[in-house]
N, C-alpha and C. Protein backbone atom coordinates (compact mmCIF):
# COMPACT_ATOMS: atom_id res chain seq x y z
N MET A 1 -1.36 -17.33 7.24
CA MET A 1 -1.29 -16.62 5.98
C MET A 1 -0.21 -15.53 6.09
N SER A 2 0.52 -15.37 5.05
CA SER A 2 1.59 -14.38 5.00
C SER A 2 1.10 -12.95 5.00
N THR A 3 1.80 -12.05 5.67
CA THR A 3 1.39 -10.61 5.67
C THR A 3 2.59 -9.77 5.31
N ILE A 4 2.24 -8.56 5.01
CA ILE A 4 3.19 -7.49 4.70
C ILE A 4 2.87 -6.26 5.49
N HIS A 5 3.85 -5.57 6.04
CA HIS A 5 3.62 -4.31 6.83
C HIS A 5 3.35 -3.18 5.90
N VAL A 6 2.29 -2.39 6.16
CA VAL A 6 1.90 -1.31 5.34
C VAL A 6 1.86 0.00 6.14
N ASP A 7 2.53 1.03 5.68
CA ASP A 7 2.52 2.37 6.26
C ASP A 7 2.02 3.31 5.18
N VAL A 8 0.97 4.06 5.43
CA VAL A 8 0.51 5.12 4.55
C VAL A 8 0.79 6.43 5.30
N VAL A 9 1.59 7.29 4.70
CA VAL A 9 1.94 8.48 5.44
C VAL A 9 1.75 9.73 4.57
N SER A 10 1.53 10.86 5.16
CA SER A 10 1.48 12.16 4.53
C SER A 10 2.69 12.95 5.05
N ALA A 11 2.84 14.18 4.60
CA ALA A 11 3.90 14.98 5.07
C ALA A 11 3.66 15.39 6.58
N GLU A 12 2.36 15.36 6.95
CA GLU A 12 2.03 15.75 8.30
C GLU A 12 1.86 14.66 9.37
N GLU A 13 1.43 13.42 8.87
CA GLU A 13 1.07 12.45 9.85
C GLU A 13 1.08 11.02 9.23
N LEU A 14 1.06 10.02 10.16
CA LEU A 14 0.87 8.66 9.80
C LEU A 14 -0.64 8.41 9.66
N ILE A 15 -1.09 7.90 8.45
CA ILE A 15 -2.48 7.70 8.23
C ILE A 15 -2.94 6.32 8.52
N PHE A 16 -2.10 5.33 8.17
CA PHE A 16 -2.40 3.94 8.43
C PHE A 16 -1.03 3.19 8.62
N SER A 17 -1.01 2.35 9.61
CA SER A 17 0.07 1.44 9.88
C SER A 17 -0.44 0.15 10.37
N GLY A 18 -0.12 -1.02 9.64
CA GLY A 18 -0.59 -2.30 10.12
C GLY A 18 -0.16 -3.38 9.19
N GLU A 19 -0.56 -4.62 9.43
CA GLU A 19 -0.26 -5.80 8.66
C GLU A 19 -1.38 -6.03 7.67
N ALA A 20 -1.08 -6.40 6.42
CA ALA A 20 -2.04 -6.71 5.42
C ALA A 20 -1.61 -7.93 4.63
N THR A 21 -2.69 -8.48 3.97
CA THR A 21 -2.46 -9.63 3.09
C THR A 21 -2.42 -9.17 1.60
N PHE A 22 -2.91 -7.96 1.34
CA PHE A 22 -2.91 -7.48 -0.05
C PHE A 22 -3.18 -5.99 -0.01
N VAL A 23 -2.55 -5.24 -1.05
CA VAL A 23 -2.71 -3.81 -1.18
C VAL A 23 -2.91 -3.54 -2.63
N ALA A 24 -3.99 -2.76 -2.92
CA ALA A 24 -4.26 -2.41 -4.32
C ALA A 24 -4.18 -0.85 -4.41
N LEU A 25 -3.58 -0.25 -5.43
CA LEU A 25 -3.45 1.19 -5.50
C LEU A 25 -3.28 1.60 -6.95
N PRO A 26 -3.52 2.95 -7.23
CA PRO A 26 -3.39 3.44 -8.56
C PRO A 26 -1.94 3.78 -8.83
N GLY A 27 -1.24 3.00 -9.55
CA GLY A 27 0.19 3.33 -9.89
C GLY A 27 0.25 4.18 -11.15
N GLU A 28 1.43 4.63 -11.48
CA GLU A 28 1.62 5.54 -12.60
C GLU A 28 1.25 4.85 -13.94
N ALA A 29 1.50 3.54 -14.06
CA ALA A 29 1.25 2.80 -15.28
C ALA A 29 -0.05 1.96 -15.22
N GLY A 30 -0.83 2.17 -14.16
CA GLY A 30 -2.04 1.43 -14.00
C GLY A 30 -2.25 0.86 -12.59
N GLU A 31 -3.28 0.14 -12.36
CA GLU A 31 -3.58 -0.42 -11.04
C GLU A 31 -2.51 -1.42 -10.64
N LEU A 32 -2.07 -1.32 -9.38
CA LEU A 32 -1.03 -2.19 -8.82
C LEU A 32 -1.67 -3.08 -7.78
N GLY A 33 -1.26 -4.30 -7.71
CA GLY A 33 -1.61 -5.22 -6.62
C GLY A 33 -0.38 -5.75 -5.98
N ILE A 34 -0.27 -5.64 -4.66
CA ILE A 34 0.95 -5.98 -3.92
C ILE A 34 0.58 -7.03 -2.91
N TYR A 35 1.28 -8.18 -3.01
CA TYR A 35 1.20 -9.28 -2.03
C TYR A 35 2.46 -9.34 -1.25
N PRO A 36 2.41 -10.04 -0.09
CA PRO A 36 3.64 -10.22 0.66
C PRO A 36 4.72 -10.90 -0.23
N ARG A 37 6.02 -10.45 0.02
CA ARG A 37 7.19 -10.94 -0.72
C ARG A 37 7.25 -10.49 -2.15
N HIS A 38 6.60 -9.34 -2.44
CA HIS A 38 6.62 -8.74 -3.71
C HIS A 38 8.03 -8.30 -4.10
N THR A 39 8.34 -8.35 -5.37
CA THR A 39 9.61 -7.80 -5.81
C THR A 39 9.78 -6.37 -5.43
N PRO A 40 10.96 -5.92 -4.97
CA PRO A 40 11.15 -4.52 -4.66
C PRO A 40 10.80 -3.62 -5.82
N LEU A 41 10.19 -2.49 -5.48
CA LEU A 41 9.64 -1.54 -6.55
C LEU A 41 9.55 -0.17 -5.96
N ILE A 42 9.86 0.84 -6.78
CA ILE A 42 9.53 2.27 -6.45
C ILE A 42 8.88 2.82 -7.67
N THR A 43 7.72 3.49 -7.43
CA THR A 43 6.94 4.11 -8.55
C THR A 43 6.12 5.26 -8.03
N ARG A 44 5.60 6.07 -8.92
CA ARG A 44 4.68 7.09 -8.46
C ARG A 44 3.31 6.58 -8.35
N ILE A 45 2.55 7.26 -7.42
CA ILE A 45 1.16 6.89 -7.22
C ILE A 45 0.26 7.96 -7.84
N ARG A 46 -0.73 7.63 -8.60
CA ARG A 46 -1.70 8.56 -9.11
C ARG A 46 -2.79 8.84 -8.02
N PRO A 47 -3.48 10.00 -8.12
CA PRO A 47 -4.56 10.16 -7.20
C PRO A 47 -5.64 9.05 -7.30
N GLY A 48 -6.19 8.63 -6.16
CA GLY A 48 -7.19 7.54 -6.10
C GLY A 48 -7.19 6.85 -4.80
N SER A 49 -7.82 5.72 -4.78
CA SER A 49 -8.10 5.02 -3.54
C SER A 49 -7.12 3.88 -3.38
N VAL A 50 -6.58 3.72 -2.21
CA VAL A 50 -5.76 2.56 -1.85
C VAL A 50 -6.56 1.63 -1.06
N ARG A 51 -6.64 0.32 -1.46
CA ARG A 51 -7.41 -0.64 -0.71
C ARG A 51 -6.45 -1.57 -0.02
N ILE A 52 -6.65 -1.69 1.31
CA ILE A 52 -5.73 -2.54 2.12
C ILE A 52 -6.56 -3.63 2.73
N GLN A 53 -6.24 -4.91 2.42
CA GLN A 53 -6.84 -6.03 3.03
C GLN A 53 -6.04 -6.39 4.24
N THR A 54 -6.63 -6.14 5.43
CA THR A 54 -5.90 -6.25 6.66
C THR A 54 -5.80 -7.72 7.09
N ALA A 55 -4.84 -8.00 7.90
CA ALA A 55 -4.54 -9.42 8.41
C ALA A 55 -5.74 -10.00 9.06
N ASP A 56 -6.61 -9.21 9.66
CA ASP A 56 -7.77 -9.77 10.35
C ASP A 56 -8.93 -9.99 9.45
N GLY A 57 -8.76 -9.80 8.15
CA GLY A 57 -9.84 -10.05 7.20
C GLY A 57 -10.62 -8.82 6.86
N GLY A 58 -10.35 -7.70 7.43
CA GLY A 58 -11.12 -6.46 7.07
C GLY A 58 -10.49 -5.73 5.91
N GLU A 59 -11.13 -4.60 5.55
CA GLU A 59 -10.60 -3.79 4.55
C GLU A 59 -10.51 -2.32 5.01
N GLU A 60 -9.43 -1.66 4.63
CA GLU A 60 -9.36 -0.21 4.87
C GLU A 60 -9.18 0.49 3.53
N PHE A 61 -9.79 1.64 3.40
CA PHE A 61 -9.64 2.44 2.18
C PHE A 61 -9.10 3.77 2.56
N VAL A 62 -8.06 4.22 1.78
CA VAL A 62 -7.40 5.48 2.00
C VAL A 62 -7.32 6.21 0.69
N PHE A 63 -7.80 7.45 0.59
CA PHE A 63 -7.62 8.24 -0.63
C PHE A 63 -6.32 8.92 -0.62
N VAL A 64 -5.62 8.87 -1.75
CA VAL A 64 -4.34 9.55 -1.86
C VAL A 64 -4.41 10.49 -3.00
N ALA A 65 -3.73 11.61 -2.92
CA ALA A 65 -3.70 12.66 -3.95
C ALA A 65 -2.50 12.51 -4.84
N GLY A 66 -1.72 11.45 -4.64
CA GLY A 66 -0.54 11.21 -5.43
C GLY A 66 0.60 10.88 -4.39
N GLY A 67 1.77 10.60 -4.97
CA GLY A 67 2.94 10.36 -4.05
C GLY A 67 3.86 9.29 -4.67
N ILE A 68 4.63 8.73 -3.75
CA ILE A 68 5.58 7.66 -4.09
C ILE A 68 5.28 6.41 -3.37
N LEU A 69 5.46 5.32 -4.06
CA LEU A 69 5.28 3.96 -3.47
C LEU A 69 6.62 3.27 -3.41
N GLU A 70 6.96 2.78 -2.22
CA GLU A 70 8.15 1.90 -2.11
C GLU A 70 7.69 0.53 -1.62
N VAL A 71 8.08 -0.52 -2.31
CA VAL A 71 7.77 -1.86 -1.97
C VAL A 71 8.99 -2.63 -1.67
N GLN A 72 9.05 -3.24 -0.53
CA GLN A 72 10.13 -4.18 -0.17
C GLN A 72 9.40 -5.52 0.12
N PRO A 73 10.10 -6.69 0.10
CA PRO A 73 9.43 -7.93 0.28
C PRO A 73 8.58 -7.99 1.58
N ASP A 74 8.91 -7.22 2.64
CA ASP A 74 8.11 -7.32 3.86
C ASP A 74 7.54 -6.04 4.27
N CYS A 75 7.55 -4.97 3.40
CA CYS A 75 7.05 -3.64 3.80
C CYS A 75 6.62 -2.88 2.57
N VAL A 76 5.51 -2.15 2.67
CA VAL A 76 4.98 -1.18 1.71
C VAL A 76 4.84 0.15 2.34
N THR A 77 5.43 1.17 1.73
CA THR A 77 5.30 2.51 2.27
C THR A 77 4.80 3.46 1.14
């Protein structure tokens, strides 16, 4: 199965770094779903929960207070 590298960072630290099969998060215009090889994108993130489906089949949840999302075909930051 195809994966995408995900980094969730704050100004102080790296919160999550790993491979994922899917990422869902609250974008400025609504909920966003990101799969591997997604079209490049930069947008604002609203406060809410980021759901990361990890490559091993698990799920990670991270609360964000807002920020910027950058999507490349092989990386989400």
